[in-house]
């Protein structure tokens, strides 16, 4: 289980315009970082290893709530934030989830 980022995954078709514009603007600023994460995911996808890439949006220092949206193979609509603690919670929960093997998993509040 690795940490990637929401912009590496697919953009939800029904995302509001403001979310799409924000994603593109941030993606332009952090293009090199997201390219590295995309390469990491490509290396994993080409390997025989079982893997899951957790794709959070902007990380916060909030508490672990255990309450967040999760989309296997996609990105939750209007993904804006999630706490680092909930990313860790999701990663631990996904270790035993067979549906998440060889998948990117978008998480967000």
PDB file of N, CA and C in Angstrom:
ATOM      1  N   UNK A   1       0.862  -1.173   0.000  1.00  0.00           N
ATOM      2  CA  UNK A   1       0.000   0.000   0.000  1.00  0.00           C
ATOM      3  C   UNK A   1       0.903   1.228   0.000  1.00  0.00           C
ATOM      4  N   UNK A   2       0.684   2.095  -0.997  1.00  0.00           N
ATOM      5  CA  UNK A   2       1.493   3.310  -1.128  1.00  0.00           C
ATOM      6  C   UNK A   2       0.585   4.535  -1.151  1.00  0.00           C
ATOM      7  N   UNK A   3       1.174   5.689  -0.867  1.00  0.00           N
ATOM      8  CA  UNK A   3       0.435   6.955  -0.958  1.00  0.00           C
ATOM      9  C   UNK A   3       0.772   7.622  -2.280  1.00  0.00           C
ATOM     10  N   UNK A   4      -0.251   7.981  -3.018  1.00  0.00           N
ATOM     11  CA  UNK A   4      -0.104   8.725  -4.259  1.00  0.00           C
ATOM     12  C   UNK A   4      -0.840  10.056  -4.060  1.00  0.00           C
ATOM     13  N   UNK A   5      -1.632  10.487  -5.030  1.00  0.00           N
ATOM     14  CA  UNK A   5      -2.385  11.736  -4.894  1.00  0.00           C
ATOM     15  C   UNK A   5      -3.583  11.723  -5.836  1.00  0.00           C
ATOM     16  N   UNK A   6      -4.646  12.403  -5.449  1.00  0.00           N
ATOM     17  CA  UNK A   6      -5.866  12.464  -6.253  1.00  0.00           C
ATOM     18  C   UNK A   6      -5.591  12.828  -7.713  1.00  0.00           C
ATOM     19  N   UNK A   7      -4.753  13.830  -8.020  1.00  0.00           N
ATOM     20  CA  UNK A   7      -4.564  14.202  -9.424  1.00  0.00           C
ATOM     21  C   UNK A   7      -3.948  13.111 -10.302  1.00  0.00           C
ATOM     22  N   UNK A   8      -3.389  12.071  -9.705  1.00  0.00           N
ATOM     23  CA  UNK A   8      -2.825  10.973 -10.494  1.00  0.00           C
ATOM     24  C   UNK A   8      -3.943  10.082 -11.023  1.00  0.00           C
ATOM     25  N   UNK A   9      -5.060  10.050 -10.325  1.00  0.00           N
ATOM     26  CA  UNK A   9      -6.184   9.206 -10.725  1.00  0.00           C
ATOM     27  C   UNK A   9      -7.105   9.898 -11.709  1.00  0.00           C
ATOM     28  N   UNK A  10      -8.151   9.193 -12.105  1.00  0.00           N
ATOM     29  CA  UNK A  10      -9.103   9.767 -13.057  1.00  0.00           C
ATOM     30  C   UNK A  10      -9.915  10.894 -12.432  1.00  0.00           C
ATOM     31  N   UNK A  11     -10.266  11.869 -13.241  1.00  0.00           N
ATOM     32  CA  UNK A  11     -11.093  12.990 -12.785  1.00  0.00           C
ATOM     33  C   UNK A  11     -12.557  12.571 -12.866  1.00  0.00           C
ATOM     34  N   UNK A  12     -13.319  12.738 -11.780  1.00  0.00           N
ATOM     35  CA  UNK A  12     -14.742  12.385 -11.845  1.00  0.00           C
ATOM     36  C   UNK A  12     -15.451  13.193 -12.933  1.00  0.00           C
ATOM     37  N   UNK A  13     -16.247  12.521 -13.742  1.00  0.00           N
ATOM     38  CA  UNK A  13     -16.933  13.187 -14.848  1.00  0.00           C
ATOM     39  C   UNK A  13     -17.916  14.242 -14.357  1.00  0.00           C
ATOM     40  N   UNK A  14     -18.457  14.054 -13.160  1.00  0.00           N
ATOM     41  CA  UNK A  14     -19.471  14.975 -12.655  1.00  0.00           C
ATOM     42  C   UNK A  14     -18.921  15.986 -11.654  1.00  0.00           C
ATOM     43  N   UNK A  15     -17.586  16.162 -11.613  1.00  0.00           N
ATOM     44  CA  UNK A  15     -16.996  17.153 -10.713  1.00  0.00           C
ATOM     45  C   UNK A  15     -17.467  18.555 -11.107  1.00  0.00           C
ATOM     46  N   UNK A  16     -17.802  19.391 -10.127  1.00  0.00           N
ATOM     47  CA  UNK A  16     -18.174  20.774 -10.447  1.00  0.00           C
ATOM     48  C   UNK A  16     -17.020  21.509 -11.134  1.00  0.00           C
ATOM     49  N   UNK A  17     -17.365  22.523 -11.907  1.00  0.00           N
ATOM     50  CA  UNK A  17     -16.373  23.283 -12.664  1.00  0.00           C
ATOM     51  C   UNK A  17     -15.274  23.837 -11.765  1.00  0.00           C
ATOM     52  N   UNK A  18     -15.628  24.387 -10.612  1.00  0.00           N
ATOM     53  CA  UNK A  18     -14.615  24.971  -9.731  1.00  0.00           C
ATOM     54  C   UNK A  18     -13.614  23.905  -9.276  1.00  0.00           C
ATOM     55  N   UNK A  19     -14.077  22.690  -9.027  1.00  0.00           N
ATOM     56  CA  UNK A  19     -13.167  21.616  -8.626  1.00  0.00           C
ATOM     57  C   UNK A  19     -12.237  21.223  -9.771  1.00  0.00           C
ATOM     58  N   UNK A  20     -12.778  21.171 -10.984  1.00  0.00           N
ATOM     59  CA  UNK A  20     -11.933  20.835 -12.139  1.00  0.00           C
ATOM     60  C   UNK A  20     -10.874  21.906 -12.370  1.00  0.00           C
ATOM     61  N   UNK A  21     -11.262  23.172 -12.242  1.00  0.00           N
ATOM     62  CA  UNK A  21     -10.306  24.267 -12.439  1.00  0.00           C
ATOM     63  C   UNK A  21      -9.231  24.269 -11.358  1.00  0.00           C
ATOM     64  N   UNK A  22      -9.635  24.055 -10.105  1.00  0.00           N
ATOM     65  CA  UNK A  22      -8.657  23.996  -9.011  1.00  0.00           C
ATOM     66  C   UNK A  22      -7.680  22.844  -9.225  1.00  0.00           C
ATOM     67  N   UNK A  23      -8.199  21.704  -9.638  1.00  0.00           N
ATOM     68  CA  UNK A  23      -7.356  20.527  -9.853  1.00  0.00           C
ATOM     69  C   UNK A  23      -6.323  20.805 -10.944  1.00  0.00           C
ATOM     70  N   UNK A  24      -6.750  21.454 -12.012  1.00  0.00           N
ATOM     71  CA  UNK A  24      -5.814  21.757 -13.106  1.00  0.00           C
ATOM     72  C   UNK A  24      -4.770  22.785 -12.688  1.00  0.00           C
ATOM     73  N   UNK A  25      -5.179  23.802 -11.933  1.00  0.00           N
ATOM     74  CA  UNK A  25      -4.231  24.830 -11.483  1.00  0.00           C
ATOM     75  C   UNK A  25      -3.194  24.232 -10.541  1.00  0.00           C
ATOM     76  N   UNK A  26      -3.647  23.450  -9.583  1.00  0.00           N
ATOM     77  CA  UNK A  26      -2.715  22.812  -8.642  1.00  0.00           C
ATOM     78  C   UNK A  26      -1.846  21.800  -9.380  1.00  0.00           C
ATOM     79  N   UNK A  27      -2.441  21.091 -10.327  1.00  0.00           N
ATOM     80  CA  UNK A  27      -1.684  20.126 -11.122  1.00  0.00           C
ATOM     81  C   UNK A  27      -0.566  20.773 -11.916  1.00  0.00           C
ATOM     82  N   UNK A  28      -0.798  21.990 -12.388  1.00  0.00           N
ATOM     83  CA  UNK A  28       0.247  22.699 -13.134  1.00  0.00           C
ATOM     84  C   UNK A  28       1.397  23.090 -12.217  1.00  0.00           C
ATOM     85  N   UNK A  29       1.075  23.521 -11.014  1.00  0.00           N
ATOM     86  CA  UNK A  29       2.108  23.931 -10.056  1.00  0.00           C
ATOM     87  C   UNK A  29       2.918  22.731  -9.572  1.00  0.00           C
ATOM     88  N   UNK A  30       2.255  21.621  -9.359  1.00  0.00           N
ATOM     89  CA  UNK A  30       2.916  20.426  -8.809  1.00  0.00           C
ATOM     90  C   UNK A  30       3.124  19.341  -9.869  1.00  0.00           C
ATOM     91  N   UNK A  31       3.277  19.753 -11.118  1.00  0.00           N
ATOM     92  CA  UNK A  31       3.367  18.804 -12.230  1.00  0.00           C
ATOM     93  C   UNK A  31       4.479  17.773 -12.060  1.00  0.00           C
ATOM     94  N   UNK A  32       5.651  18.198 -11.609  1.00  0.00           N
ATOM     95  CA  UNK A  32       6.769  17.250 -11.460  1.00  0.00           C
ATOM     96  C   UNK A  32       6.475  16.214 -10.382  1.00  0.00           C
ATOM     97  N   UNK A  33       5.913  16.651  -9.281  1.00  0.00           N
ATOM     98  CA  UNK A  33       5.570  15.725  -8.198  1.00  0.00           C
ATOM     99  C   UNK A  33       4.547  14.701  -8.677  1.00  0.00           C
ATOM    100  N   UNK A  34       3.496  15.170  -9.351  1.00  0.00           N
ATOM    101  CA  UNK A  34       2.465  14.252  -9.828  1.00  0.00           C
ATOM    102  C   UNK A  34       2.997  13.323 -10.911  1.00  0.00           C
ATOM    103  N   UNK A  35       3.933  13.797 -11.724  1.00  0.00           N
ATOM    104  CA  UNK A  35       4.560  12.931 -12.732  1.00  0.00           C
ATOM    105  C   UNK A  35       5.348  11.816 -12.054  1.00  0.00           C
ATOM    106  N   UNK A  36       6.056  12.143 -10.971  1.00  0.00           N
ATOM    107  CA  UNK A  36       6.784  11.112 -10.213  1.00  0.00           C
ATOM    108  C   UNK A  36       5.824  10.082  -9.632  1.00  0.00           C
ATOM    109  N   UNK A  37       4.714  10.548  -9.079  1.00  0.00           N
ATOM    110  CA  UNK A  37       3.736   9.622  -8.508  1.00  0.00           C
ATOM    111  C   UNK A  37       3.112   8.747  -9.599  1.00  0.00           C
ATOM    112  N   UNK A  38       2.853   9.323 -10.764  1.00  0.00           N
ATOM    113  CA  UNK A  38       2.309   8.542 -11.876  1.00  0.00           C
ATOM    114  C   UNK A  38       3.302   7.476 -12.323  1.00  0.00           C
ATOM    115  N   UNK A  39       4.599   7.819 -12.340  1.00  0.00           N
ATOM    116  CA  UNK A  39       5.626   6.820 -12.690  1.00  0.00           C
ATOM    117  C   UNK A  39       5.669   5.707 -11.646  1.00  0.00           C
ATOM    118  N   UNK A  40       5.556   6.072 -10.365  1.00  0.00           N
ATOM    119  CA  UNK A  40       5.531   5.066  -9.309  1.00  0.00           C
ATOM    120  C   UNK A  40       4.373   4.101  -9.537  1.00  0.00           C
ATOM    121  N   UNK A  41       3.201   4.641  -9.816  1.00  0.00           N
ATOM    122  CA  UNK A  41       2.043   3.783 -10.042  1.00  0.00           C
ATOM    123  C   UNK A  41       2.223   2.920 -11.290  1.00  0.00           C
ATOM    124  N   UNK A  42       2.852   3.459 -12.321  1.00  0.00           N
ATOM    125  CA  UNK A  42       3.094   2.679 -13.539  1.00  0.00           C
ATOM    126  C   UNK A  42       4.045   1.524 -13.269  1.00  0.00           C
ATOM    127  N   UNK A  43       5.090   1.770 -12.477  1.00  0.00           N
ATOM    128  CA  UNK A  43       6.033   0.700 -12.116  1.00  0.00           C
ATOM    129  C   UNK A  43       5.295  -0.393 -11.347  1.00  0.00           C
ATOM    130  N   UNK A  44       4.462   0.007 -10.404  1.00  0.00           N
ATOM    131  CA  UNK A  44       3.686  -0.979  -9.648  1.00  0.00           C
ATOM    132  C   UNK A  44       2.752  -1.761 -10.565  1.00  0.00           C
ATOM    133  N   UNK A  45       2.072  -1.060 -11.468  1.00  0.00           N
ATOM    134  CA  UNK A  45       1.125  -1.712 -12.371  1.00  0.00           C
ATOM    135  C   UNK A  45       1.811  -2.722 -13.276  1.00  0.00           C
ATOM    136  N   UNK A  46       3.064  -2.469 -13.629  1.00  0.00           N
ATOM    137  CA  UNK A  46       3.811  -3.381 -14.498  1.00  0.00           C
ATOM    138  C   UNK A  46       4.459  -4.530 -13.740  1.00  0.00           C
ATOM    139  N   UNK A  47       4.343  -4.523 -12.425  1.00  0.00           N
ATOM    140  CA  UNK A  47       4.992  -5.559 -11.618  1.00  0.00           C
ATOM    141  C   UNK A  47       4.013  -6.683 -11.286  1.00  0.00           C
ATOM    142  N   UNK A  48       4.552  -7.771 -10.785  1.00  0.00           N
ATOM    143  CA  UNK A  48       3.732  -8.901 -10.340  1.00  0.00           C
ATOM    144  C   UNK A  48       3.277  -8.724  -8.893  1.00  0.00           C
ATOM    145  N   UNK A  49       3.712  -7.652  -8.263  1.00  0.00           N
ATOM    146  CA  UNK A  49       3.408  -7.382  -6.863  1.00  0.00           C
ATOM    147  C   UNK A  49       1.945  -6.987  -6.684  1.00  0.00           C
ATOM    148  N   UNK A  50       1.330  -7.455  -5.602  1.00  0.00           N
ATOM    149  CA  UNK A  50       0.019  -6.938  -5.222  1.00  0.00           C
ATOM    150  C   UNK A  50       0.233  -5.553  -4.625  1.00  0.00           C
ATOM    151  N   UNK A  51      -0.531  -4.585  -5.050  1.00  0.00           N
ATOM    152  CA  UNK A  51      -0.342  -3.215  -4.591  1.00  0.00           C
ATOM    153  C   UNK A  51      -1.680  -2.488  -4.548  1.00  0.00           C
ATOM    154  N   UNK A  52      -1.711  -1.423  -3.789  1.00  0.00           N
ATOM    155  CA  UNK A  52      -2.833  -0.492  -3.749  1.00  0.00           C
ATOM    156  C   UNK A  52      -2.240   0.900  -3.595  1.00  0.00           C
ATOM    157  N   UNK A  53      -2.671   1.834  -4.430  1.00  0.00           N
ATOM    158  CA  UNK A  53      -2.224   3.225  -4.331  1.00  0.00           C
ATOM    159  C   UNK A  53      -3.369   4.055  -3.759  1.00  0.00           C
ATOM    160  N   UNK A  54      -3.175   4.579  -2.565  1.00  0.00           N
ATOM    161  CA  UNK A  54      -4.174   5.442  -1.937  1.00  0.00           C
ATOM    162  C   UNK A  54      -3.938   6.856  -2.446  1.00  0.00           C
ATOM    163  N   UNK A  55      -5.001   7.476  -2.977  1.00  0.00           N
ATOM    164  CA  UNK A  55      -4.877   8.790  -3.617  1.00  0.00           C
ATOM    165  C   UNK A  55      -5.670   9.846  -2.845  1.00  0.00           C
ATOM    166  N   UNK A  56      -5.040  10.469  -1.863  1.00  0.00           N
ATOM    167  CA  UNK A  56      -5.733  11.523  -1.121  1.00  0.00           C
ATOM    168  C   UNK A  56      -5.619  12.878  -1.818  1.00  0.00           C
ATOM    169  N   UNK A  57      -6.541  13.805  -1.492  1.00  0.00           N
ATOM    170  CA  UNK A  57      -6.401  15.191  -1.936  1.00  0.00           C
ATOM    171  C   UNK A  57      -5.508  15.945  -0.947  1.00  0.00           C
ATOM    172  N   UNK A  58      -5.755  17.228  -0.743  1.00  0.00           N
ATOM    173  CA  UNK A  58      -4.949  18.030   0.189  1.00  0.00           C
ATOM    174  C   UNK A  58      -5.036  17.435   1.590  1.00  0.00           C
ATOM    175  N   UNK A  59      -3.863  17.246   2.194  1.00  0.00           N
ATOM    176  CA  UNK A  59      -3.791  16.633   3.520  1.00  0.00           C
ATOM    177  C   UNK A  59      -3.907  17.685   4.615  1.00  0.00           C
ATOM    178  N   UNK A  60      -4.627  17.324   5.676  1.00  0.00           N
ATOM    179  CA  UNK A  60      -4.757  18.203   6.838  1.00  0.00           C
ATOM    180  C   UNK A  60      -4.204  17.483   8.066  1.00  0.00           C
ATOM    181  N   UNK A  61      -4.100  18.217   9.161  1.00  0.00           N
ATOM    182  CA  UNK A  61      -3.610  17.648  10.412  1.00  0.00           C
ATOM    183  C   UNK A  61      -4.753  17.268  11.353  1.00  0.00           C
ATOM    184  N   UNK A  62      -5.930  17.057  10.826  1.00  0.00           N
ATOM    185  CA  UNK A  62      -7.090  16.709  11.649  1.00  0.00           C
ATOM    186  C   UNK A  62      -6.980  15.323  12.263  1.00  0.00           C
ATOM    187  N   UNK A  63      -7.933  14.996  13.130  1.00  0.00           N
ATOM    188  CA  UNK A  63      -7.916  13.699  13.812  1.00  0.00           C
ATOM    189  C   UNK A  63      -8.398  12.573  12.897  1.00  0.00           C
ATOM    190  N   UNK A  64      -8.183  11.363  13.344  1.00  0.00           N
ATOM    191  CA  UNK A  64      -8.715  10.190  12.651  1.00  0.00           C
ATOM    192  C   UNK A  64     -10.197  10.081  12.986  1.00  0.00           C
ATOM    193  N   UNK A  65     -11.031  10.140  11.958  1.00  0.00           N
ATOM    194  CA  UNK A  65     -12.473  10.002  12.157  1.00  0.00           C
ATOM    195  C   UNK A  65     -12.969   8.637  11.696  1.00  0.00           C
ATOM    196  N   UNK A  66     -12.245   8.031  10.747  1.00  0.00           N
ATOM    197  CA  UNK A  66     -12.705   6.782  10.161  1.00  0.00           C
ATOM    198  C   UNK A  66     -13.886   6.984   9.229  1.00  0.00           C
ATOM    199  N   UNK A  67     -14.250   8.239   8.985  1.00  0.00           N
ATOM    200  CA  UNK A  67     -15.394   8.569   8.131  1.00  0.00           C
ATOM    201  C   UNK A  67     -14.890   9.378   6.942  1.00  0.00           C
ATOM    202  N   UNK A  68     -14.849   8.755   5.786  1.00  0.00           N
ATOM    203  CA  UNK A  68     -14.383   9.399   4.560  1.00  0.00           C
ATOM    204  C   UNK A  68     -14.973   8.631   3.395  1.00  0.00           C
ATOM    205  N   UNK A  69     -14.977   9.256   2.226  1.00  0.00           N
ATOM    206  CA  UNK A  69     -15.469   8.582   1.024  1.00  0.00           C
ATOM    207  C   UNK A  69     -14.309   7.845   0.375  1.00  0.00           C
ATOM    208  N   UNK A  70     -14.607   6.705  -0.211  1.00  0.00           N
ATOM    209  CA  UNK A  70     -13.581   5.869  -0.842  1.00  0.00           C
ATOM    210  C   UNK A  70     -14.130   5.389  -2.179  1.00  0.00           C
ATOM    211  N   UNK A  71     -13.320   5.530  -3.234  1.00  0.00           N
ATOM    212  CA  UNK A  71     -13.711   5.032  -4.551  1.00  0.00           C
ATOM    213  C   UNK A  71     -12.569   4.182  -5.092  1.00  0.00           C
ATOM    214  N   UNK A  72     -12.800   2.880  -5.184  1.00  0.00           N
ATOM    215  CA  UNK A  72     -11.794   1.977  -5.742  1.00  0.00           C
ATOM    216  C   UNK A  72     -11.770   2.177  -7.252  1.00  0.00           C
ATOM    217  N   UNK A  73     -10.589   2.460  -7.790  1.00  0.00           N
ATOM    218  CA  UNK A  73     -10.441   2.675  -9.224  1.00  0.00           C
ATOM    219  C   UNK A  73     -10.873   4.055  -9.687  1.00  0.00           C
ATOM    220  N   UNK A  74     -11.130   4.959  -8.755  1.00  0.00           N
ATOM    221  CA  UNK A  74     -11.593   6.286  -9.137  1.00  0.00           C
ATOM    222  C   UNK A  74     -11.287   7.334  -8.096  1.00  0.00           C
ATOM    223  N   UNK A  75     -12.035   8.418  -8.179  1.00  0.00           N
ATOM    224  CA  UNK A  75     -11.841   9.562  -7.300  1.00  0.00           C
ATOM    225  C   UNK A  75     -13.197  10.033  -6.798  1.00  0.00           C
ATOM    226  N   UNK A  76     -13.354  10.254  -5.491  1.00  0.00           N
ATOM    227  CA  UNK A  76     -14.621  10.799  -5.005  1.00  0.00           C
ATOM    228  C   UNK A  76     -14.888  12.182  -5.598  1.00  0.00           C
ATOM    229  N   UNK A  77     -16.142  12.456  -5.885  1.00  0.00           N
ATOM    230  CA  UNK A  77     -16.543  13.763  -6.420  1.00  0.00           C
ATOM    231  C   UNK A  77     -16.176  14.857  -5.420  1.00  0.00           C
ATOM    232  N   UNK A  78     -15.712  15.986  -5.919  1.00  0.00           N
ATOM    233  CA  UNK A  78     -15.337  17.147  -5.094  1.00  0.00           C
ATOM    234  C   UNK A  78     -14.351  16.777  -3.994  1.00  0.00           C
ATOM    235  N   UNK A  79     -13.304  16.056  -4.373  1.00  0.00           N
ATOM    236  CA  UNK A  79     -12.261  15.671  -3.410  1.00  0.00           C
ATOM    237  C   UNK A  79     -11.417  16.884  -3.079  1.00  0.00           C
ATOM    238  N   UNK A  80     -11.499  17.346  -1.837  1.00  0.00           N
ATOM    239  CA  UNK A  80     -10.735  18.537  -1.467  1.00  0.00           C
ATOM    240  C   UNK A  80      -9.766  18.292  -0.330  1.00  0.00           C
ATOM    241  N   UNK A  81     -10.197  17.611   0.731  1.00  0.00           N
ATOM    242  CA  UNK A  81      -9.300  17.396   1.870  1.00  0.00           C
ATOM    243  C   UNK A  81      -9.543  16.038   2.513  1.00  0.00           C
ATOM    244  N   UNK A  82      -8.550  15.618   3.288  1.00  0.00           N
ATOM    245  CA  UNK A  82      -8.655  14.458   4.174  1.00  0.00           C
ATOM    246  C   UNK A  82      -7.489  14.573   5.153  1.00  0.00           C
ATOM    247  N   UNK A  83      -7.675  14.107   6.366  1.00  0.00           N
ATOM    248  CA  UNK A  83      -6.586  14.205   7.344  1.00  0.00           C
ATOM    249  C   UNK A  83      -5.551  13.108   7.110  1.00  0.00           C
ATOM    250  N   UNK A  84      -4.342  13.397   7.499  1.00  0.00           N
ATOM    251  CA  UNK A  84      -3.274  12.394   7.418  1.00  0.00           C
ATOM    252  C   UNK A  84      -3.647  11.161   8.233  1.00  0.00           C
ATOM    253  N   UNK A  85      -4.298  11.386   9.377  1.00  0.00           N
ATOM    254  CA  UNK A  85      -4.702  10.262  10.231  1.00  0.00           C
ATOM    255  C   UNK A  85      -5.725   9.377   9.521  1.00  0.00           C
ATOM    256  N   UNK A  86      -6.654   9.973   8.767  1.00  0.00           N
ATOM    257  CA  UNK A  86      -7.619   9.163   8.032  1.00  0.00           C
ATOM    258  C   UNK A  86      -6.985   8.477   6.825  1.00  0.00           C
ATOM    259  N   UNK A  87      -5.950   9.069   6.244  1.00  0.00           N
ATOM    260  CA  UNK A  87      -5.207   8.375   5.185  1.00  0.00           C
ATOM    261  C   UNK A  87      -4.573   7.116   5.767  1.00  0.00           C
ATOM    262  N   UNK A  88      -3.958   7.236   6.931  1.00  0.00           N
ATOM    263  CA  UNK A  88      -3.360   6.067   7.588  1.00  0.00           C
ATOM    264  C   UNK A  88      -4.432   5.030   7.897  1.00  0.00           C
ATOM    265  N   UNK A  89      -5.586   5.472   8.373  1.00  0.00           N
ATOM    266  CA  UNK A  89      -6.698   4.562   8.666  1.00  0.00           C
ATOM    267  C   UNK A  89      -7.112   3.811   7.401  1.00  0.00           C
ATOM    268  N   UNK A  90      -7.261   4.546   6.304  1.00  0.00           N
ATOM    269  CA  UNK A  90      -7.659   3.927   5.037  1.00  0.00           C
ATOM    270  C   UNK A  90      -6.617   2.928   4.559  1.00  0.00           C
ATOM    271  N   UNK A  91      -5.342   3.293   4.680  1.00  0.00           N
ATOM    272  CA  UNK A  91      -4.276   2.388   4.236  1.00  0.00           C
ATOM    273  C   UNK A  91      -4.322   1.074   5.008  1.00  0.00           C
ATOM    274  N   UNK A  92      -4.507   1.156   6.309  1.00  0.00           N
ATOM    275  CA  UNK A  92      -4.579  -0.067   7.115  1.00  0.00           C
ATOM    276  C   UNK A  92      -5.811  -0.888   6.747  1.00  0.00           C
ATOM    277  N   UNK A  93      -6.940  -0.232   6.513  1.00  0.00           N
ATOM    278  CA  UNK A  93      -8.163  -0.941   6.143  1.00  0.00           C
ATOM    279  C   UNK A  93      -8.044  -1.609   4.776  1.00  0.00           C
ATOM    280  N   UNK A  94      -7.288  -0.999   3.862  1.00  0.00           N
ATOM    281  CA  UNK A  94      -7.168  -1.533   2.502  1.00  0.00           C
ATOM    282  C   UNK A  94      -6.213  -2.714   2.393  1.00  0.00           C
ATOM    283  N   UNK A  95      -5.392  -2.927   3.405  1.00  0.00           N
ATOM    284  CA  UNK A  95      -4.436  -4.040   3.356  1.00  0.00           C
ATOM    285  C   UNK A  95      -5.145  -5.362   3.109  1.00  0.00           C
ATOM    286  N   UNK A  96      -6.304  -5.552   3.718  1.00  0.00           N
ATOM    287  CA  UNK A  96      -7.032  -6.818   3.604  1.00  0.00           C
ATOM    288  C   UNK A  96      -8.224  -6.746   2.654  1.00  0.00           C
ATOM    289  N   UNK A  97      -8.292  -5.727   1.812  1.00  0.00           N
ATOM    290  CA  UNK A  97      -9.425  -5.558   0.905  1.00  0.00           C
ATOM    291  C   UNK A  97      -9.069  -6.086  -0.483  1.00  0.00           C
ATOM    292  N   UNK A  98      -9.573  -7.269  -0.853  1.00  0.00           N
ATOM    293  CA  UNK A  98      -9.214  -7.836  -2.156  1.00  0.00           C
ATOM    294  C   UNK A  98      -9.678  -6.980  -3.336  1.00  0.00           C
ATOM    295  N   UNK A  99     -10.713  -6.175  -3.147  1.00  0.00           N
ATOM    296  CA  UNK A  99     -11.196  -5.315  -4.236  1.00  0.00           C
ATOM    297  C   UNK A  99     -10.209  -4.203  -4.562  1.00  0.00           C
ATOM    298  N   UNK A 100      -9.301  -3.911  -3.633  1.00  0.00           N
ATOM    299  CA  UNK A 100      -8.352  -2.810  -3.826  1.00  0.00           C
ATOM    300  C   UNK A 100      -7.010  -3.261  -4.396  1.00  0.00           C
ATOM    301  N   UNK A 101      -6.825  -4.560  -4.582  1.00  0.00           N
ATOM    302  CA  UNK A 101      -5.548  -5.063  -5.093  1.00  0.00           C
ATOM    303  C   UNK A 101      -5.365  -4.620  -6.545  1.00  0.00           C
ATOM    304  N   UNK A 102      -4.188  -4.060  -6.821  1.00  0.00           N
ATOM    305  CA  UNK A 102      -3.824  -3.552  -8.149  1.00  0.00           C
ATOM    306  C   UNK A 102      -4.761  -2.421  -8.596  1.00  0.00           C
ATOM    307  N   UNK A 103      -5.146  -1.582  -7.632  1.00  0.00           N
ATOM    308  CA  UNK A 103      -6.065  -0.475  -7.895  1.00  0.00           C
ATOM    309  C   UNK A 103      -5.575   0.799  -7.233  1.00  0.00           C
ATOM    310  N   UNK A 104      -5.939   1.919  -7.823  1.00  0.00           N
ATOM    311  CA  UNK A 104      -5.835   3.196  -7.140  1.00  0.00           C
ATOM    312  C   UNK A 104      -7.135   3.413  -6.389  1.00  0.00           C
ATOM    313  N   UNK A 105      -7.037   3.968  -5.198  1.00  0.00           N
ATOM    314  CA  UNK A 105      -8.228   4.202  -4.382  1.00  0.00           C
ATOM    315  C   UNK A 105      -8.243   5.666  -3.958  1.00  0.00           C
ATOM    316  N   UNK A 106      -9.208   6.409  -4.464  1.00  0.00           N
ATOM    317  CA  UNK A 106      -9.358   7.797  -4.061  1.00  0.00           C
ATOM    318  C   UNK A 106     -10.095   7.881  -2.740  1.00  0.00           C
ATOM    319  N   UNK A 107      -9.588   8.720  -1.825  1.00  0.00           N
ATOM    320  CA  UNK A 107     -10.278   8.937  -0.553  1.00  0.00           C
ATOM    321  C   UNK A 107     -10.388  10.438  -0.314  1.00  0.00           C
ATOM    322  N   UNK A 108     -11.451  10.844   0.346  1.00  0.00           N
ATOM    323  CA  UNK A 108     -11.668  12.262   0.667  1.00  0.00           C
ATOM    324  C   UNK A 108     -12.871  12.369   1.589  1.00  0.00           C
ATOM    325  N   UNK A 109     -12.993  13.521   2.231  1.00  0.00           N
ATOM    326  CA  UNK A 109     -14.197  13.781   3.040  1.00  0.00           C
ATOM    327  C   UNK A 109     -15.333  14.173   2.129  1.00  0.00           C
TER     328      UNK A 109
END
